């Protein structure tokens, strides 16, 4: 089981999708990623302490995905394929944390949209690493894809 920052029992009022709420999501989520005994070391090794810069890039990335801001430019696939020691368990932990945080902060339809996007990213990266679809991510057809 991974350690996570405890989420309060009472739900926060659901946030509207905005740069501010995406910033809150990214910072809270990656705060837990950093503390996670499985995920944290992979990120620490890759980032060499450059978390502030990376967090801003992640806010830009998720703002582009969720809000269409086009503030992110980069090679997500290539950067992640360069990471060493990644296992299927890393993907499952990342997706699980993402689902917790999106459910906590957003209305169900917004959380679902963010989860679908994350599932697609996880699926593509997982295929790049392991050549198959991950069992822990719903098939595209369950998200309304082909």
C-alpha atoms as a PDB file:
ATOM      1  CA  UNK A   1       0.000   0.000   0.000  1.00  0.00           C
ATOM      2  CA  UNK A   2       1.305   3.440  -0.794  1.00  0.00           C
ATOM      3  CA  UNK A   3       1.422   6.349   1.631  1.00  0.00           C
ATOM      4  CA  UNK A   4      -0.626   9.338   0.660  1.00  0.00           C
ATOM      5  CA  UNK A   5      -1.530  12.662   2.107  1.00  0.00           C
ATOM      6  CA  UNK A   6      -4.804  11.941   3.883  1.00  0.00           C
ATOM      7  CA  UNK A   7      -7.794  13.451   2.160  1.00  0.00           C
ATOM      8  CA  UNK A   8     -10.347  14.962   4.546  1.00  0.00           C
ATOM      9  CA  UNK A   9     -13.525  12.936   5.028  1.00  0.00           C
ATOM     10  CA  UNK A  10     -15.815  15.796   4.108  1.00  0.00           C
ATOM     11  CA  UNK A  11     -15.824  16.599   0.404  1.00  0.00           C
ATOM     12  CA  UNK A  12     -14.648  19.970  -0.802  1.00  0.00           C
ATOM     13  CA  UNK A  13     -17.227  21.846  -2.786  1.00  0.00           C
ATOM     14  CA  UNK A  14     -16.606  20.794  -6.361  1.00  0.00           C
ATOM     15  CA  UNK A  15     -14.299  23.158  -8.173  1.00  0.00           C
ATOM     16  CA  UNK A  16     -15.005  24.382 -11.691  1.00  0.00           C
ATOM     17  CA  UNK A  17     -12.343  23.563 -14.266  1.00  0.00           C
ATOM     18  CA  UNK A  18      -9.937  26.514 -14.337  1.00  0.00           C
ATOM     19  CA  UNK A  19      -6.210  27.148 -14.293  1.00  0.00           C
ATOM     20  CA  UNK A  20      -6.518  27.643 -10.533  1.00  0.00           C
ATOM     21  CA  UNK A  21      -8.274  24.320  -9.933  1.00  0.00           C
ATOM     22  CA  UNK A  22      -5.866  22.491 -12.257  1.00  0.00           C
ATOM     23  CA  UNK A  23      -2.989  24.054 -10.304  1.00  0.00           C
ATOM     24  CA  UNK A  24      -4.525  22.825  -7.064  1.00  0.00           C
ATOM     25  CA  UNK A  25      -5.016  19.347  -8.547  1.00  0.00           C
ATOM     26  CA  UNK A  26      -1.466  19.102  -9.904  1.00  0.00           C
ATOM     27  CA  UNK A  27       0.186  20.363  -6.728  1.00  0.00           C
ATOM     28  CA  UNK A  28      -1.887  18.125  -4.435  1.00  0.00           C
ATOM     29  CA  UNK A  29      -1.512  15.076  -6.643  1.00  0.00           C
ATOM     30  CA  UNK A  30       2.234  15.425  -7.121  1.00  0.00           C
ATOM     31  CA  UNK A  31       2.647  16.188  -3.421  1.00  0.00           C
ATOM     32  CA  UNK A  32       1.326  12.672  -2.846  1.00  0.00           C
ATOM     33  CA  UNK A  33       3.411  11.273  -5.711  1.00  0.00           C
ATOM     34  CA  UNK A  34       6.543  12.661  -4.045  1.00  0.00           C
ATOM     35  CA  UNK A  35       5.655  10.942  -0.769  1.00  0.00           C
ATOM     36  CA  UNK A  36       4.705   7.657  -2.396  1.00  0.00           C
ATOM     37  CA  UNK A  37       7.385   5.007  -1.725  1.00  0.00           C
ATOM     38  CA  UNK A  38       6.945   3.511  -5.205  1.00  0.00           C
ATOM     39  CA  UNK A  39       6.443   6.636  -7.339  1.00  0.00           C
ATOM     40  CA  UNK A  40       8.497   9.185  -5.422  1.00  0.00           C
ATOM     41  CA  UNK A  41      11.941   7.713  -6.145  1.00  0.00           C
ATOM     42  CA  UNK A  42      11.281   7.533  -9.910  1.00  0.00           C
ATOM     43  CA  UNK A  43      10.321  11.206 -10.027  1.00  0.00           C
ATOM     44  CA  UNK A  44      13.136  12.294  -7.707  1.00  0.00           C
ATOM     45  CA  UNK A  45      15.716  10.503  -9.852  1.00  0.00           C
ATOM     46  CA  UNK A  46      14.364  12.040 -13.049  1.00  0.00           C
ATOM     47  CA  UNK A  47      13.867  15.585 -11.747  1.00  0.00           C
ATOM     48  CA  UNK A  48      17.048  16.052  -9.706  1.00  0.00           C
ATOM     49  CA  UNK A  49      15.193  18.349  -7.295  1.00  0.00           C
ATOM     50  CA  UNK A  50      13.705  20.539 -10.033  1.00  0.00           C
ATOM     51  CA  UNK A  51      10.136  20.128  -8.775  1.00  0.00           C
ATOM     52  CA  UNK A  52       9.058  23.768  -9.117  1.00  0.00           C
ATOM     53  CA  UNK A  53       9.887  23.828 -12.821  1.00  0.00           C
ATOM     54  CA  UNK A  54       8.286  20.437 -13.369  1.00  0.00           C
ATOM     55  CA  UNK A  55       5.106  21.377 -11.504  1.00  0.00           C
ATOM     56  CA  UNK A  56       4.650  24.441 -13.707  1.00  0.00           C
ATOM     57  CA  UNK A  57       5.085  22.273 -16.812  1.00  0.00           C
ATOM     58  CA  UNK A  58       2.500  19.856 -15.415  1.00  0.00           C
ATOM     59  CA  UNK A  59       0.049  22.692 -14.749  1.00  0.00           C
ATOM     60  CA  UNK A  60       0.604  23.838 -18.335  1.00  0.00           C
ATOM     61  CA  UNK A  61       0.147  20.279 -19.607  1.00  0.00           C
ATOM     62  CA  UNK A  62      -3.077  19.587 -17.708  1.00  0.00           C
ATOM     63  CA  UNK A  63      -4.416  23.071 -18.496  1.00  0.00           C
ATOM     64  CA  UNK A  64      -3.847  22.287 -22.165  1.00  0.00           C
ATOM     65  CA  UNK A  65      -5.563  18.898 -21.814  1.00  0.00           C
ATOM     66  CA  UNK A  66      -8.497  20.053 -19.670  1.00  0.00           C
ATOM     67  CA  UNK A  67      -8.996  23.642 -20.755  1.00  0.00           C
ATOM     68  CA  UNK A  68      -7.469  23.816 -24.216  1.00  0.00           C
ATOM     69  CA  UNK A  69      -5.070  26.592 -23.163  1.00  0.00           C
ATOM     70  CA  UNK A  70      -2.295  25.368 -25.472  1.00  0.00           C
ATOM     71  CA  UNK A  71       0.217  26.455 -22.833  1.00  0.00           C
ATOM     72  CA  UNK A  72       2.171  23.189 -23.022  1.00  0.00           C
ATOM     73  CA  UNK A  73       4.660  22.265 -25.706  1.00  0.00           C
ATOM     74  CA  UNK A  74       6.723  19.125 -25.294  1.00  0.00           C
ATOM     75  CA  UNK A  75       7.328  15.443 -25.942  1.00  0.00           C
ATOM     76  CA  UNK A  76       5.472  13.600 -23.193  1.00  0.00           C
ATOM     77  CA  UNK A  77       6.019  10.150 -24.695  1.00  0.00           C
ATOM     78  CA  UNK A  78       9.743  10.595 -25.351  1.00  0.00           C
ATOM     79  CA  UNK A  79      10.468  12.019 -21.902  1.00  0.00           C
ATOM     80  CA  UNK A  80       8.681   9.179 -20.150  1.00  0.00           C
ATOM     81  CA  UNK A  81      10.226   6.470 -22.319  1.00  0.00           C
ATOM     82  CA  UNK A  82      13.641   7.640 -21.083  1.00  0.00           C
ATOM     83  CA  UNK A  83      12.779   6.725 -17.473  1.00  0.00           C
ATOM     84  CA  UNK A  84      14.396   3.559 -16.150  1.00  0.00           C
ATOM     85  CA  UNK A  85      12.947   0.987 -13.782  1.00  0.00           C
ATOM     86  CA  UNK A  86       9.287   1.713 -14.499  1.00  0.00           C
ATOM     87  CA  UNK A  87       6.971  -1.245 -13.836  1.00  0.00           C
ATOM     88  CA  UNK A  88       3.235  -1.857 -14.282  1.00  0.00           C
ATOM     89  CA  UNK A  89       2.839  -1.159 -10.559  1.00  0.00           C
ATOM     90  CA  UNK A  90       4.039   2.420 -11.116  1.00  0.00           C
ATOM     91  CA  UNK A  91       1.260   2.983 -13.621  1.00  0.00           C
ATOM     92  CA  UNK A  92      -1.399   1.460 -11.357  1.00  0.00           C
ATOM     93  CA  UNK A  93      -0.282   3.625  -8.427  1.00  0.00           C
ATOM     94  CA  UNK A  94      -0.230   6.792 -10.564  1.00  0.00           C
ATOM     95  CA  UNK A  95      -3.714   6.144 -11.982  1.00  0.00           C
ATOM     96  CA  UNK A  96      -5.093   5.312  -8.526  1.00  0.00           C
ATOM     97  CA  UNK A  97      -3.790   8.535  -6.997  1.00  0.00           C
ATOM     98  CA  UNK A  98      -5.051  10.571  -9.960  1.00  0.00           C
ATOM     99  CA  UNK A  99      -8.535   9.119  -9.547  1.00  0.00           C
ATOM    100  CA  UNK A 100      -8.571   9.962  -5.834  1.00  0.00           C
ATOM    101  CA  UNK A 101      -7.542  13.549  -6.411  1.00  0.00           C
ATOM    102  CA  UNK A 102      -9.839  14.225  -9.358  1.00  0.00           C
ATOM    103  CA  UNK A 103     -12.839  12.727  -7.512  1.00  0.00           C
ATOM    104  CA  UNK A 104     -12.025  14.794  -4.467  1.00  0.00           C
ATOM    105  CA  UNK A 105     -11.795  18.164  -6.223  1.00  0.00           C
ATOM    106  CA  UNK A 106     -14.199  18.078  -9.136  1.00  0.00           C
ATOM    107  CA  UNK A 107     -17.805  17.294  -9.982  1.00  0.00           C
ATOM    108  CA  UNK A 108     -18.215  13.751 -11.316  1.00  0.00           C
ATOM    109  CA  UNK A 109     -18.365  14.760 -14.986  1.00  0.00           C
ATOM    110  CA  UNK A 110     -15.207  16.899 -14.720  1.00  0.00           C
ATOM    111  CA  UNK A 111     -13.398  14.210 -12.719  1.00  0.00           C
ATOM    112  CA  UNK A 112     -14.416  11.624 -15.311  1.00  0.00           C
ATOM    113  CA  UNK A 113     -13.084  13.761 -18.158  1.00  0.00           C
ATOM    114  CA  UNK A 114      -9.737  14.193 -16.384  1.00  0.00           C
ATOM    115  CA  UNK A 115      -9.622  10.469 -15.634  1.00  0.00           C
ATOM    116  CA  UNK A 116     -10.333   9.552 -19.255  1.00  0.00           C
ATOM    117  CA  UNK A 117      -7.454  11.794 -20.343  1.00  0.00           C
ATOM    118  CA  UNK A 118      -5.128  10.260 -17.736  1.00  0.00           C
ATOM    119  CA  UNK A 119      -6.197   6.751 -18.741  1.00  0.00           C
ATOM    120  CA  UNK A 120      -5.331   7.498 -22.361  1.00  0.00           C
ATOM    121  CA  UNK A 121      -1.924   8.832 -21.383  1.00  0.00           C
ATOM    122  CA  UNK A 122      -1.263   5.854 -19.088  1.00  0.00           C
ATOM    123  CA  UNK A 123      -2.431   3.425 -21.784  1.00  0.00           C
ATOM    124  CA  UNK A 124      -0.109   4.918 -24.426  1.00  0.00           C
ATOM    125  CA  UNK A 125       2.897   5.029 -22.118  1.00  0.00           C
ATOM    126  CA  UNK A 126       2.187   1.515 -20.833  1.00  0.00           C
ATOM    127  CA  UNK A 127       2.088   0.233 -24.418  1.00  0.00           C
ATOM    128  CA  UNK A 128       5.396   1.980 -25.051  1.00  0.00           C
ATOM    129  CA  UNK A 129       7.017   0.248 -22.100  1.00  0.00           C
ATOM    130  CA  UNK A 130       5.371  -3.162 -22.149  1.00  0.00           C
ATOM    131  CA  UNK A 131       3.749  -3.616 -25.576  1.00  0.00           C
ATOM    132  CA  UNK A 132       0.257  -4.300 -24.228  1.00  0.00           C
ATOM    133  CA  UNK A 133      -2.700  -2.523 -22.654  1.00  0.00           C
ATOM    134  CA  UNK A 134      -2.780  -2.172 -18.871  1.00  0.00           C
ATOM    135  CA  UNK A 135      -5.447  -4.208 -17.074  1.00  0.00           C
ATOM    136  CA  UNK A 136      -6.103  -1.409 -14.548  1.00  0.00           C
ATOM    137  CA  UNK A 137      -7.189   1.154 -17.174  1.00  0.00           C
ATOM    138  CA  UNK A 138     -10.645   0.732 -18.713  1.00  0.00           C
ATOM    139  CA  UNK A 139     -10.607  -0.007 -22.442  1.00  0.00           C
ATOM    140  CA  UNK A 140     -11.165   2.982 -24.724  1.00  0.00           C
ATOM    141  CA  UNK A 141     -14.599   1.609 -25.652  1.00  0.00           C
ATOM    142  CA  UNK A 142     -15.720   2.072 -22.032  1.00  0.00           C
ATOM    143  CA  UNK A 143     -14.775   5.753 -22.277  1.00  0.00           C
ATOM    144  CA  UNK A 144     -16.671   6.254 -25.511  1.00  0.00           C
ATOM    145  CA  UNK A 145     -13.641   5.656 -27.746  1.00  0.00           C
ATOM    146  CA  UNK A 146     -13.337   3.047 -30.499  1.00  0.00           C
END
